[in-house]
Amino acid sequence: RITNNAETMPPDFLDFEIPRVPHMTISPAKGKLAAGQNMNVIVSFVPKALGKFNQDLVIKYCSGLYSHTLRCSGEAPLIGEKKIPVKGLERTGRDFDPEHVFVNQNNMSLAP
């Protein structure tokens, strides 16, 4: 979650941008927050190969003047079965929604 804790800001908003990194998708990757506003950002691990992956997400804000680095890691130990996509007129709105598996905060730990 990205939060703009400022009471007031001269441009009346805080802009942020998260550049793309391999094996991760970010939604939304950029945006603007008014004073006191917050926004959930979903970071998904989407591996394109087997193995362990560690990536640094650099969150840039205030037109790139400031940044915060978030360390993300994931592991792809095996290849799962590929789903057969629904095609044509059989597609519904749910076929377009991404499937998210959220991490429980109690299971998270800081890397040494």
PDB file of N, CA and C in Angstrom:
ATOM      1  N   ARG A   1       0.855  -1.166   0.000  1.00  0.00           N
ATOM      2  CA  ARG A   1       0.000   0.000   0.000  1.00  0.00           C
ATOM      3  C   ARG A   1       0.898   1.225   0.000  1.00  0.00           C
ATOM      4  N   ILE A   2       0.601   2.136  -0.889  1.00  0.00           N
ATOM      5  CA  ILE A   2       1.321   3.404  -0.957  1.00  0.00           C
ATOM      6  C   ILE A   2       0.394   4.467  -0.388  1.00  0.00           C
ATOM      7  N   THR A   3       0.926   5.255   0.550  1.00  0.00           N
ATOM      8  CA  THR A   3       0.127   6.269   1.228  1.00  0.00           C
ATOM      9  C   THR A   3       0.804   7.624   1.115  1.00  0.00           C
ATOM     10  N   ASN A   4       0.031   8.660   0.853  1.00  0.00           N
ATOM     11  CA  ASN A   4       0.514  10.029   0.866  1.00  0.00           C
ATOM     12  C   ASN A   4       0.136  10.616   2.223  1.00  0.00           C
ATOM     13  N   ASN A   5       1.100  10.668   3.145  1.00  0.00           N
ATOM     14  CA  ASN A   5       0.848  11.152   4.502  1.00  0.00           C
ATOM     15  C   ASN A   5       0.926  12.667   4.633  1.00  0.00           C
ATOM     16  N   ALA A   6       1.214  13.356   3.558  1.00  0.00           N
ATOM     17  CA  ALA A   6       1.361  14.807   3.627  1.00  0.00           C
ATOM     18  C   ALA A   6       0.016  15.475   3.892  1.00  0.00           C
ATOM     19  N   GLU A   7       0.044  16.501   4.721  1.00  0.00           N
ATOM     20  CA  GLU A   7      -1.163  17.285   4.987  1.00  0.00           C
ATOM     21  C   GLU A   7      -1.552  18.063   3.730  1.00  0.00           C
ATOM     22  N   THR A   8      -0.604  18.788   3.196  1.00  0.00           N
ATOM     23  CA  THR A   8      -0.807  19.517   1.944  1.00  0.00           C
ATOM     24  C   THR A   8       0.500  19.473   1.172  1.00  0.00           C
ATOM     25  N   MET A   9       0.394  19.527  -0.120  1.00  0.00           N
ATOM     26  CA  MET A   9       1.583  19.562  -0.972  1.00  0.00           C
ATOM     27  C   MET A   9       1.360  20.640  -2.025  1.00  0.00           C
ATOM     28  N   PRO A  10       2.421  21.314  -2.427  1.00  0.00           N
ATOM     29  CA  PRO A  10       2.254  22.374  -3.429  1.00  0.00           C
ATOM     30  C   PRO A  10       1.571  21.906  -4.715  1.00  0.00           C
ATOM     31  N   PRO A  11       1.944  20.745  -5.303  1.00  0.00           N
ATOM     32  CA  PRO A  11       1.224  20.363  -6.523  1.00  0.00           C
ATOM     33  C   PRO A  11      -0.093  19.649  -6.238  1.00  0.00           C
ATOM     34  N   ASP A  12      -0.482  19.516  -4.964  1.00  0.00           N
ATOM     35  CA  ASP A  12      -1.736  18.883  -4.542  1.00  0.00           C
ATOM     36  C   ASP A  12      -1.792  17.379  -4.792  1.00  0.00           C
ATOM     37  N   PHE A  13      -0.670  16.744  -5.144  1.00  0.00           N
ATOM     38  CA  PHE A  13      -0.664  15.297  -5.309  1.00  0.00           C
ATOM     39  C   PHE A  13       0.763  14.760  -5.200  1.00  0.00           C
ATOM     40  N   LEU A  14       0.877  13.470  -4.965  1.00  0.00           N
ATOM     41  CA  LEU A  14       2.157  12.761  -4.940  1.00  0.00           C
ATOM     42  C   LEU A  14       2.124  11.768  -6.092  1.00  0.00           C
ATOM     43  N   ASP A  15       3.070  11.890  -7.010  1.00  0.00           N
ATOM     44  CA  ASP A  15       3.111  10.944  -8.122  1.00  0.00           C
ATOM     45  C   ASP A  15       4.128   9.850  -7.806  1.00  0.00           C
ATOM     46  N   PHE A  16       3.862   8.628  -8.295  1.00  0.00           N
ATOM     47  CA  PHE A  16       4.803   7.525  -8.106  1.00  0.00           C
ATOM     48  C   PHE A  16       4.877   6.697  -9.379  1.00  0.00           C
ATOM     49  N   GLU A  17       5.995   6.001  -9.531  1.00  0.00           N
ATOM     50  CA  GLU A  17       6.199   5.116 -10.676  1.00  0.00           C
ATOM     51  C   GLU A  17       7.091   3.970 -10.242  1.00  0.00           C
ATOM     52  N   ILE A  18       6.747   2.754 -10.684  1.00  0.00           N
ATOM     53  CA  ILE A  18       7.541   1.568 -10.381  1.00  0.00           C
ATOM     54  C   ILE A  18       7.952   0.959 -11.718  1.00  0.00           C
ATOM     55  N   PRO A  19       9.233   1.090 -12.110  1.00  0.00           N
ATOM     56  CA  PRO A  19       9.679   0.526 -13.387  1.00  0.00           C
ATOM     57  C   PRO A  19       9.546  -0.997 -13.414  1.00  0.00           C
ATOM     58  N   ARG A  20       9.422  -1.557 -14.608  1.00  0.00           N
ATOM     59  CA  ARG A  20       9.284  -3.002 -14.782  1.00  0.00           C
ATOM     60  C   ARG A  20      10.562  -3.722 -14.378  1.00  0.00           C
ATOM     61  N   VAL A  21      10.398  -4.912 -13.796  1.00  0.00           N
ATOM     62  CA  VAL A  21      11.522  -5.785 -13.463  1.00  0.00           C
ATOM     63  C   VAL A  21      11.175  -7.196 -13.935  1.00  0.00           C
ATOM     64  N   PRO A  22      12.190  -8.018 -14.233  1.00  0.00           N
ATOM     65  CA  PRO A  22      11.920  -9.379 -14.706  1.00  0.00           C
ATOM     66  C   PRO A  22      11.186 -10.219 -13.665  1.00  0.00           C
ATOM     67  N   HIS A  23      10.300 -11.070 -14.115  1.00  0.00           N
ATOM     68  CA  HIS A  23       9.569 -12.054 -13.315  1.00  0.00           C
ATOM     69  C   HIS A  23       8.554 -11.448 -12.349  1.00  0.00           C
ATOM     70  N   MET A  24       8.291 -10.155 -12.424  1.00  0.00           N
ATOM     71  CA  MET A  24       7.310  -9.505 -11.559  1.00  0.00           C
ATOM     72  C   MET A  24       6.396  -8.623 -12.415  1.00  0.00           C
ATOM     73  N   THR A  25       5.114  -8.599 -12.050  1.00  0.00           N
ATOM     74  CA  THR A  25       4.204  -7.633 -12.660  1.00  0.00           C
ATOM     75  C   THR A  25       3.657  -6.749 -11.544  1.00  0.00           C
ATOM     76  N   ILE A  26       3.491  -5.484 -11.844  1.00  0.00           N
ATOM     77  CA  ILE A  26       3.045  -4.505 -10.856  1.00  0.00           C
ATOM     78  C   ILE A  26       1.781  -3.833 -11.387  1.00  0.00           C
ATOM     79  N   SER A  27       0.757  -3.745 -10.523  1.00  0.00           N
ATOM     80  CA  SER A  27      -0.494  -3.123 -10.941  1.00  0.00           C
ATOM     81  C   SER A  27      -1.078  -2.298  -9.795  1.00  0.00           C
ATOM     82  N   PRO A  28      -1.249  -1.015  -9.948  1.00  0.00           N
ATOM     83  CA  PRO A  28      -0.814  -0.160 -11.042  1.00  0.00           C
ATOM     84  C   PRO A  28       0.671   0.172 -10.901  1.00  0.00           C
ATOM     85  N   ALA A  29       1.344   0.383 -12.016  1.00  0.00           N
ATOM     86  CA  ALA A  29       2.777   0.671 -12.007  1.00  0.00           C
ATOM     87  C   ALA A  29       3.064   2.154 -11.807  1.00  0.00           C
ATOM     88  N   LYS A  30       2.049   2.996 -11.948  1.00  0.00           N
ATOM     89  CA  LYS A  30       2.235   4.425 -11.678  1.00  0.00           C
ATOM     90  C   LYS A  30       0.894   5.038 -11.328  1.00  0.00           C
ATOM     91  N   GLY A  31       0.967   6.195 -10.670  1.00  0.00           N
ATOM     92  CA  GLY A  31      -0.266   6.850 -10.278  1.00  0.00           C
ATOM     93  C   GLY A  31      -0.006   8.144  -9.542  1.00  0.00           C
ATOM     94  N   LYS A  32      -1.089   8.772  -9.103  1.00  0.00           N
ATOM     95  CA  LYS A  32      -1.025  10.023  -8.347  1.00  0.00           C
ATOM     96  C   LYS A  32      -1.934   9.889  -7.141  1.00  0.00           C
ATOM     97  N   LEU A  33      -1.449  10.393  -6.000  1.00  0.00           N
ATOM     98  CA  LEU A  33      -2.218  10.339  -4.759  1.00  0.00           C
ATOM     99  C   LEU A  33      -2.400  11.745  -4.201  1.00  0.00           C
ATOM    100  N   ALA A  34      -3.624  12.080  -3.842  1.00  0.00           N
ATOM    101  CA  ALA A  34      -3.897  13.350  -3.175  1.00  0.00           C
ATOM    102  C   ALA A  34      -3.445  13.245  -1.716  1.00  0.00           C
ATOM    103  N   ALA A  35      -3.350  14.357  -1.025  1.00  0.00           N
ATOM    104  CA  ALA A  35      -2.947  14.364   0.384  1.00  0.00           C
ATOM    105  C   ALA A  35      -3.888  13.488   1.195  1.00  0.00           C
ATOM    106  N   GLY A  36      -3.331  12.562   1.990  1.00  0.00           N
ATOM    107  CA  GLY A  36      -4.117  11.667   2.826  1.00  0.00           C
ATOM    108  C   GLY A  36      -4.669  10.447   2.108  1.00  0.00           C
ATOM    109  N   GLN A  37      -4.470  10.345   0.816  1.00  0.00           N
ATOM    110  CA  GLN A  37      -4.998   9.219   0.041  1.00  0.00           C
ATOM    111  C   GLN A  37      -4.005   8.055   0.049  1.00  0.00           C
ATOM    112  N   ASN A  38      -4.525   6.816  -0.113  1.00  0.00           N
ATOM    113  CA  ASN A  38      -3.649   5.659  -0.248  1.00  0.00           C
ATOM    114  C   ASN A  38      -4.154   4.773  -1.377  1.00  0.00           C
ATOM    115  N   MET A  39      -3.269   3.866  -1.831  1.00  0.00           N
ATOM    116  CA  MET A  39      -3.596   2.996  -2.960  1.00  0.00           C
ATOM    117  C   MET A  39      -2.897   1.656  -2.770  1.00  0.00           C
ATOM    118  N   ASN A  40      -3.632   0.566  -2.982  1.00  0.00           N
ATOM    119  CA  ASN A  40      -3.025  -0.758  -2.951  1.00  0.00           C
ATOM    120  C   ASN A  40      -2.319  -1.013  -4.272  1.00  0.00           C
ATOM    121  N   VAL A  41      -1.108  -1.544  -4.186  1.00  0.00           N
ATOM    122  CA  VAL A  41      -0.334  -1.920  -5.359  1.00  0.00           C
ATOM    123  C   VAL A  41      -0.108  -3.425  -5.276  1.00  0.00           C
ATOM    124  N   ILE A  42      -0.462  -4.147  -6.332  1.00  0.00           N
ATOM    125  CA  ILE A  42      -0.314  -5.600  -6.353  1.00  0.00           C
ATOM    126  C   ILE A  42       0.949  -5.952  -7.123  1.00  0.00           C
ATOM    127  N   VAL A  43       1.868  -6.654  -6.446  1.00  0.00           N
ATOM    128  CA  VAL A  43       3.087  -7.158  -7.071  1.00  0.00           C
ATOM    129  C   VAL A  43       2.917  -8.663  -7.206  1.00  0.00           C
ATOM    130  N   SER A  44       2.943  -9.158  -8.436  1.00  0.00           N
ATOM    131  CA  SER A  44       2.745 -10.584  -8.697  1.00  0.00           C
ATOM    132  C   SER A  44       4.039 -11.204  -9.200  1.00  0.00           C
ATOM    133  N   PHE A  45       4.347 -12.389  -8.691  1.00  0.00           N
ATOM    134  CA  PHE A  45       5.505 -13.155  -9.147  1.00  0.00           C
ATOM    135  C   PHE A  45       5.058 -14.000 -10.329  1.00  0.00           C
ATOM    136  N   VAL A  46       5.617 -13.732 -11.495  1.00  0.00           N
ATOM    137  CA  VAL A  46       5.250 -14.435 -12.722  1.00  0.00           C
ATOM    138  C   VAL A  46       6.539 -14.952 -13.364  1.00  0.00           C
ATOM    139  N   PRO A  47       7.043 -16.112 -12.884  1.00  0.00           N
ATOM    140  CA  PRO A  47       8.334 -16.599 -13.396  1.00  0.00           C
ATOM    141  C   PRO A  47       8.230 -17.094 -14.831  1.00  0.00           C
ATOM    142  N   LYS A  48       9.310 -16.892 -15.552  1.00  0.00           N
ATOM    143  CA  LYS A  48       9.387 -17.373 -16.927  1.00  0.00           C
ATOM    144  C   LYS A  48      10.382 -18.526 -17.034  1.00  0.00           C
ATOM    145  N   ALA A  49      10.945 -18.934 -15.889  1.00  0.00           N
ATOM    146  CA  ALA A  49      11.896 -20.043 -15.834  1.00  0.00           C
ATOM    147  C   ALA A  49      11.870 -20.626 -14.421  1.00  0.00           C
ATOM    148  N   LEU A  50      12.481 -21.802 -14.249  1.00  0.00           N
ATOM    149  CA  LEU A  50      12.570 -22.425 -12.930  1.00  0.00           C
ATOM    150  C   LEU A  50      13.685 -21.781 -12.120  1.00  0.00           C
ATOM    151  N   GLY A  51      13.570 -21.810 -10.790  1.00  0.00           N
ATOM    152  CA  GLY A  51      14.627 -21.308  -9.922  1.00  0.00           C
ATOM    153  C   GLY A  51      14.132 -20.304  -8.901  1.00  0.00           C
ATOM    154  N   LYS A  52      15.094 -19.764  -8.148  1.00  0.00           N
ATOM    155  CA  LYS A  52      14.809 -18.730  -7.151  1.00  0.00           C
ATOM    156  C   LYS A  52      15.157 -17.377  -7.749  1.00  0.00           C
ATOM    157  N   PHE A  53      14.324 -16.404  -7.448  1.00  0.00           N
ATOM    158  CA  PHE A  53      14.514 -15.077  -8.013  1.00  0.00           C
ATOM    159  C   PHE A  53      14.424 -14.024  -6.917  1.00  0.00           C
ATOM    160  N   ASN A  54      15.343 -13.075  -6.950  1.00  0.00           N
ATOM    161  CA  ASN A  54      15.342 -11.930  -6.043  1.00  0.00           C
ATOM    162  C   ASN A  54      15.414 -10.675  -6.900  1.00  0.00           C
ATOM    163  N   GLN A  55      14.479  -9.786  -6.688  1.00  0.00           N
ATOM    164  CA  GLN A  55      14.420  -8.560  -7.474  1.00  0.00           C
ATOM    165  C   GLN A  55      14.223  -7.370  -6.545  1.00  0.00           C
ATOM    166  N   ASP A  56      14.839  -6.264  -6.894  1.00  0.00           N
ATOM    167  CA  ASP A  56      14.624  -5.007  -6.185  1.00  0.00           C
ATOM    168  C   ASP A  56      13.638  -4.166  -6.982  1.00  0.00           C
ATOM    169  N   LEU A  57      12.513  -3.830  -6.361  1.00  0.00           N
ATOM    170  CA  LEU A  57      11.561  -2.900  -6.966  1.00  0.00           C
ATOM    171  C   LEU A  57      11.899  -1.511  -6.443  1.00  0.00           C
ATOM    172  N   VAL A  58      12.157  -0.600  -7.330  1.00  0.00           N
ATOM    173  CA  VAL A  58      12.475   0.769  -6.935  1.00  0.00           C
ATOM    174  C   VAL A  58      11.234   1.620  -7.169  1.00  0.00           C
ATOM    175  N   ILE A  59      10.644   2.088  -6.086  1.00  0.00           N
ATOM    176  CA  ILE A  59       9.464   2.951  -6.168  1.00  0.00           C
ATOM    177  C   ILE A  59       9.966   4.390  -6.224  1.00  0.00           C
ATOM    178  N   LYS A  60       9.745   5.049  -7.345  1.00  0.00           N
ATOM    179  CA  LYS A  60      10.183   6.437  -7.512  1.00  0.00           C
ATOM    180  C   LYS A  60       8.980   7.343  -7.300  1.00  0.00           C
ATOM    181  N   TYR A  61       9.185   8.427  -6.572  1.00  0.00           N
ATOM    182  CA  TYR A  61       8.087   9.364  -6.347  1.00  0.00           C
ATOM    183  C   TYR A  61       8.589  10.793  -6.375  1.00  0.00           C
ATOM    184  N   CYS A  62       7.656  11.726  -6.419  1.00  0.00           N
ATOM    185  CA  CYS A  62       7.959  13.163  -6.572  1.00  0.00           C
ATOM    186  C   CYS A  62       8.782  13.396  -7.841  1.00  0.00           C
ATOM    187  N   SER A  63       8.258  12.918  -8.962  1.00  0.00           N
ATOM    188  CA  SER A  63       8.900  13.064 -10.278  1.00  0.00           C
ATOM    189  C   SER A  63      10.308  12.487 -10.305  1.00  0.00           C
ATOM    190  N   GLY A  64      10.530  11.408  -9.568  1.00  0.00           N
ATOM    191  CA  GLY A  64      11.824  10.732  -9.564  1.00  0.00           C
ATOM    192  C   GLY A  64      12.853  11.330  -8.625  1.00  0.00           C
ATOM    193  N   LEU A  65      12.482  12.357  -7.846  1.00  0.00           N
ATOM    194  CA  LEU A  65      13.432  12.971  -6.915  1.00  0.00           C
ATOM    195  C   LEU A  65      13.774  12.046  -5.754  1.00  0.00           C
ATOM    196  N   TYR A  66      12.834  11.213  -5.353  1.00  0.00           N
ATOM    197  CA  TYR A  66      13.033  10.307  -4.225  1.00  0.00           C
ATOM    198  C   TYR A  66      12.722   8.885  -4.667  1.00  0.00           C
ATOM    199  N   SER A  67      13.283   7.927  -3.936  1.00  0.00           N
ATOM    200  CA  SER A  67      12.985   6.529  -4.262  1.00  0.00           C
ATOM    201  C   SER A  67      13.034   5.685  -2.997  1.00  0.00           C
ATOM    202  N   HIS A  68      12.356   4.554  -3.061  1.00  0.00           N
ATOM    203  CA  HIS A  68      12.354   3.574  -1.976  1.00  0.00           C
ATOM    204  C   HIS A  68      12.502   2.206  -2.631  1.00  0.00           C
ATOM    205  N   THR A  69      13.418   1.388  -2.113  1.00  0.00           N
ATOM    206  CA  THR A  69      13.666   0.070  -2.688  1.00  0.00           C
ATOM    207  C   THR A  69      12.963  -0.997  -1.870  1.00  0.00           C
ATOM    208  N   LEU A  70      12.234  -1.859  -2.558  1.00  0.00           N
ATOM    209  CA  LEU A  70      11.505  -2.957  -1.939  1.00  0.00           C
ATOM    210  C   LEU A  70      12.075  -4.255  -2.492  1.00  0.00           C
ATOM    211  N   ARG A  71      12.592  -5.111  -1.612  1.00  0.00           N
ATOM    212  CA  ARG A  71      13.195  -6.384  -2.026  1.00  0.00           C
ATOM    213  C   ARG A  71      12.103  -7.436  -2.150  1.00  0.00           C
ATOM    214  N   CYS A  72      11.993  -8.060  -3.322  1.00  0.00           N
ATOM    215  CA  CYS A  72      10.991  -9.100  -3.571  1.00  0.00           C
ATOM    216  C   CYS A  72      11.701 -10.390  -3.958  1.00  0.00           C
ATOM    217  N   SER A  73      11.150 -11.503  -3.519  1.00  0.00           N
ATOM    218  CA  SER A  73      11.738 -12.793  -3.886  1.00  0.00           C
ATOM    219  C   SER A  73      10.632 -13.783  -4.191  1.00  0.00           C
ATOM    220  N   GLY A  74      10.968 -14.771  -4.998  1.00  0.00           N
ATOM    221  CA  GLY A  74      10.021 -15.813  -5.353  1.00  0.00           C
ATOM    222  C   GLY A  74      10.772 -17.049  -5.797  1.00  0.00           C
ATOM    223  N   GLU A  75      10.081 -18.175  -5.780  1.00  0.00           N
ATOM    224  CA  GLU A  75      10.699 -19.430  -6.191  1.00  0.00           C
ATOM    225  C   GLU A  75       9.740 -20.183  -7.106  1.00  0.00           C
ATOM    226  N   ALA A  76      10.279 -20.684  -8.206  1.00  0.00           N
ATOM    227  CA  ALA A  76       9.517 -21.507  -9.144  1.00  0.00           C
ATOM    228  C   ALA A  76      10.176 -22.888  -9.167  1.00  0.00           C
ATOM    229  N   PRO A  77       9.752 -23.802  -8.244  1.00  0.00           N
ATOM    230  CA  PRO A  77      10.424 -25.099  -8.137  1.00  0.00           C
ATOM    231  C   PRO A  77       9.994 -26.111  -9.194  1.00  0.00           C
ATOM    232  N   LEU A  78       8.819 -25.910  -9.804  1.00  0.00           N
ATOM    233  CA  LEU A  78       8.361 -26.863 -10.813  1.00  0.00           C
ATOM    234  C   LEU A  78       7.453 -26.180 -11.811  1.00  0.00           C
ATOM    235  N   ILE A  79       7.262 -26.853 -12.900  1.00  0.00           N
ATOM    236  CA  ILE A  79       6.391 -26.319 -13.942  1.00  0.00           C
ATOM    237  C   ILE A  79       5.000 -26.886 -13.734  1.00  0.00           C
ATOM    238  N   GLY A  80       4.017 -26.018 -13.628  1.00  0.00           N
ATOM    239  CA  GLY A  80       2.637 -26.462 -13.440  1.00  0.00           C
ATOM    240  C   GLY A  80       1.970 -26.777 -14.769  1.00  0.00           C
ATOM    241  N   GLU A  81       0.791 -27.328 -14.664  1.00  0.00           N
ATOM    242  CA  GLU A  81       0.033 -27.628 -15.874  1.00  0.00           C
ATOM    243  C   GLU A  81      -0.481 -26.334 -16.487  1.00  0.00           C
ATOM    244  N   LYS A  82      -0.400 -26.270 -17.777  1.00  0.00           N
ATOM    245  CA  LYS A  82      -0.869 -25.092 -18.482  1.00  0.00           C
ATOM    246  C   LYS A  82      -2.376 -25.207 -18.691  1.00  0.00           C
ATOM    247  N   LYS A  83      -3.085 -24.151 -18.348  1.00  0.00           N
ATOM    248  CA  LYS A  83      -4.537 -24.148 -18.523  1.00  0.00           C
ATOM    249  C   LYS A  83      -4.884 -23.947 -19.992  1.00  0.00           C
ATOM    250  N   ILE A  84      -5.933 -24.600 -20.411  1.00  0.00           N
ATOM    251  CA  ILE A  84      -6.431 -24.400 -21.766  1.00  0.00           C
ATOM    252  C   ILE A  84      -7.361 -23.188 -21.723  1.00  0.00           C
ATOM    253  N   PRO A  85      -7.013 -22.122 -22.446  1.00  0.00           N
ATOM    254  CA  PRO A  85      -7.829 -20.907 -22.368  1.00  0.00           C
ATOM    255  C   PRO A  85      -9.194 -21.090 -23.028  1.00  0.00           C
ATOM    256  N   VAL A  86     -10.168 -20.409 -22.456  1.00  0.00           N
ATOM    257  CA  VAL A  86     -11.512 -20.388 -23.034  1.00  0.00           C
ATOM    258  C   VAL A  86     -11.480 -19.407 -24.199  1.00  0.00           C
ATOM    259  N   LYS A  87     -12.031 -19.825 -25.325  1.00  0.00           N
ATOM    260  CA  LYS A  87     -11.984 -18.973 -26.513  1.00  0.00           C
ATOM    261  C   LYS A  87     -13.389 -18.653 -27.014  1.00  0.00           C
ATOM    262  N   GLY A  88     -13.446 -17.633 -27.822  1.00  0.00           N
ATOM    263  CA  GLY A  88     -14.676 -17.305 -28.530  1.00  0.00           C
ATOM    264  C   GLY A  88     -15.788 -16.778 -27.653  1.00  0.00           C
ATOM    265  N   LEU A  89     -16.998 -17.141 -28.009  1.00  0.00           N
ATOM    266  CA  LEU A  89     -18.184 -16.613 -27.338  1.00  0.00           C
ATOM    267  C   LEU A  89     -18.408 -17.208 -25.958  1.00  0.00           C
ATOM    268  N   GLU A  90     -17.664 -18.268 -25.600  1.00  0.00           N
ATOM    269  CA  GLU A  90     -17.812 -18.885 -24.279  1.00  0.00           C
ATOM    270  C   GLU A  90     -17.134 -18.066 -23.184  1.00  0.00           C
ATOM    271  N   ARG A  91     -16.328 -17.080 -23.551  1.00  0.00           N
ATOM    272  CA  ARG A  91     -15.614 -16.265 -22.569  1.00  0.00           C
ATOM    273  C   ARG A  91     -16.592 -15.383 -21.806  1.00  0.00           C
ATOM    274  N   THR A  92     -16.342 -15.260 -20.505  1.00  0.00           N
ATOM    275  CA  THR A  92     -17.145 -14.379 -19.662  1.00  0.00           C
ATOM    276  C   THR A  92     -16.224 -13.351 -19.025  1.00  0.00           C
ATOM    277  N   GLY A  93     -16.777 -12.459 -18.243  1.00  0.00           N
ATOM    278  CA  GLY A  93     -15.969 -11.445 -17.569  1.00  0.00           C
ATOM    279  C   GLY A  93     -14.922 -12.041 -16.650  1.00  0.00           C
ATOM    280  N   ARG A  94     -15.226 -13.162 -16.011  1.00  0.00           N
ATOM    281  CA  ARG A  94     -14.264 -13.803 -15.103  1.00  0.00           C
ATOM    282  C   ARG A  94     -13.040 -14.331 -15.835  1.00  0.00           C
ATOM    283  N   ASP A  95     -13.174 -14.647 -17.113  1.00  0.00           N
ATOM    284  CA  ASP A  95     -12.030 -15.135 -17.887  1.00  0.00           C
ATOM    285  C   ASP A  95     -10.974 -14.054 -18.080  1.00  0.00           C
ATOM    286  N   PHE A  96     -11.340 -12.806 -17.897  1.00  0.00           N
ATOM    287  CA  PHE A  96     -10.410 -11.701 -18.076  1.00  0.00           C
ATOM    288  C   PHE A  96      -9.788 -11.241 -16.757  1.00  0.00           C
ATOM    289  N   ASP A  97     -10.325 -11.673 -15.623  1.00  0.00           N
ATOM    290  CA  ASP A  97      -9.808 -11.271 -14.320  1.00  0.00           C
ATOM    291  C   ASP A  97      -8.571 -12.084 -13.968  1.00  0.00           C
ATOM    292  N   PRO A  98      -7.488 -11.432 -13.509  1.00  0.00           N
ATOM    293  CA  PRO A  98      -6.302 -12.188 -13.098  1.00  0.00           C
ATOM    294  C   PRO A  98      -6.561 -12.924 -11.785  1.00  0.00           C
ATOM    295  N   GLU A  99      -5.890 -14.055 -11.603  1.00  0.00           N
ATOM    296  CA  GLU A  99      -6.004 -14.807 -10.354  1.00  0.00           C
ATOM    297  C   GLU A  99      -4.861 -14.380  -9.442  1.00  0.00           C
ATOM    298  N   HIS A 100      -5.196 -13.812  -8.283  1.00  0.00           N
ATOM    299  CA  HIS A 100      -4.185 -13.362  -7.329  1.00  0.00           C
ATOM    300  C   HIS A 100      -4.150 -14.311  -6.143  1.00  0.00           C
ATOM    301  N   VAL A 101      -2.934 -14.640  -5.695  1.00  0.00           N
ATOM    302  CA  VAL A 101      -2.738 -15.399  -4.464  1.00  0.00           C
ATOM    303  C   VAL A 101      -1.938 -14.477  -3.551  1.00  0.00           C
ATOM    304  N   PHE A 102      -2.576 -13.951  -2.524  1.00  0.00           N
ATOM    305  CA  PHE A 102      -1.934 -12.968  -1.664  1.00  0.00           C
ATOM    306  C   PHE A 102      -1.122 -13.653  -0.572  1.00  0.00           C
ATOM    307  N   VAL A 103      -0.008 -13.026  -0.194  1.00  0.00           N
ATOM    308  CA  VAL A 103       0.878 -13.541   0.840  1.00  0.00           C
ATOM    309  C   VAL A 103       0.351 -13.102   2.197  1.00  0.00           C
ATOM    310  N   ASN A 104       0.281 -14.030   3.133  1.00  0.00           N
ATOM    311  CA  ASN A 104      -0.127 -13.718   4.496  1.00  0.00           C
ATOM    312  C   ASN A 104       1.028 -12.992   5.182  1.00  0.00           C
ATOM    313  N   GLN A 105       0.777 -11.836   5.765  1.00  0.00           N
ATOM    314  CA  GLN A 105       1.837 -11.053   6.405  1.00  0.00           C
ATOM    315  C   GLN A 105       2.488 -11.805   7.558  1.00  0.00           C
ATOM    316  N   ASN A 106       1.773 -12.726   8.204  1.00  0.00           N
ATOM    317  CA  ASN A 106       2.352 -13.494   9.309  1.00  0.00           C
ATOM    318  C   ASN A 106       3.407 -14.478   8.825  1.00  0.00           C
ATOM    319  N   ASN A 107       3.378 -14.843   7.546  1.00  0.00           N
ATOM    320  CA  ASN A 107       4.342 -15.786   6.997  1.00  0.00           C
ATOM    321  C   ASN A 107       5.546 -15.097   6.377  1.00  0.00           C
ATOM    322  N   MET A 108       5.591 -13.777   6.430  1.00  0.00           N
ATOM    323  CA  MET A 108       6.694 -13.040   5.823  1.00  0.00           C
ATOM    324  C   MET A 108       7.823 -12.868   6.818  1.00  0.00           C
ATOM    325  N   SER A 109       9.044 -12.804   6.302  1.00  0.00           N
ATOM    326  CA  SER A 109      10.204 -12.536   7.151  1.00  0.00           C
ATOM    327  C   SER A 109      11.157 -11.637   6.387  1.00  0.00           C
ATOM    328  N   LEU A 110      11.952 -10.886   7.127  1.00  0.00           N
ATOM    329  CA  LEU A 110      12.928 -10.001   6.512  1.00  0.00           C
ATOM    330  C   LEU A 110      14.168 -10.798   6.146  1.00  0.00           C
ATOM    331  N   ALA A 111      14.706 -10.527   4.966  1.00  0.00           N
ATOM    332  CA  ALA A 111      15.929 -11.205   4.536  1.00  0.00           C
ATOM    333  C   ALA A 111      17.109 -10.666   5.343  1.00  0.00           C
ATOM    334  N   PRO A 112      18.106 -11.526   5.629  1.00  0.00           N
ATOM    335  CA  PRO A 112      19.272 -11.052   6.403  1.00  0.00           C
ATOM    336  C   PRO A 112      20.096 -10.049   5.642  1.00  0.00           C
TER     337      PRO A 112
END
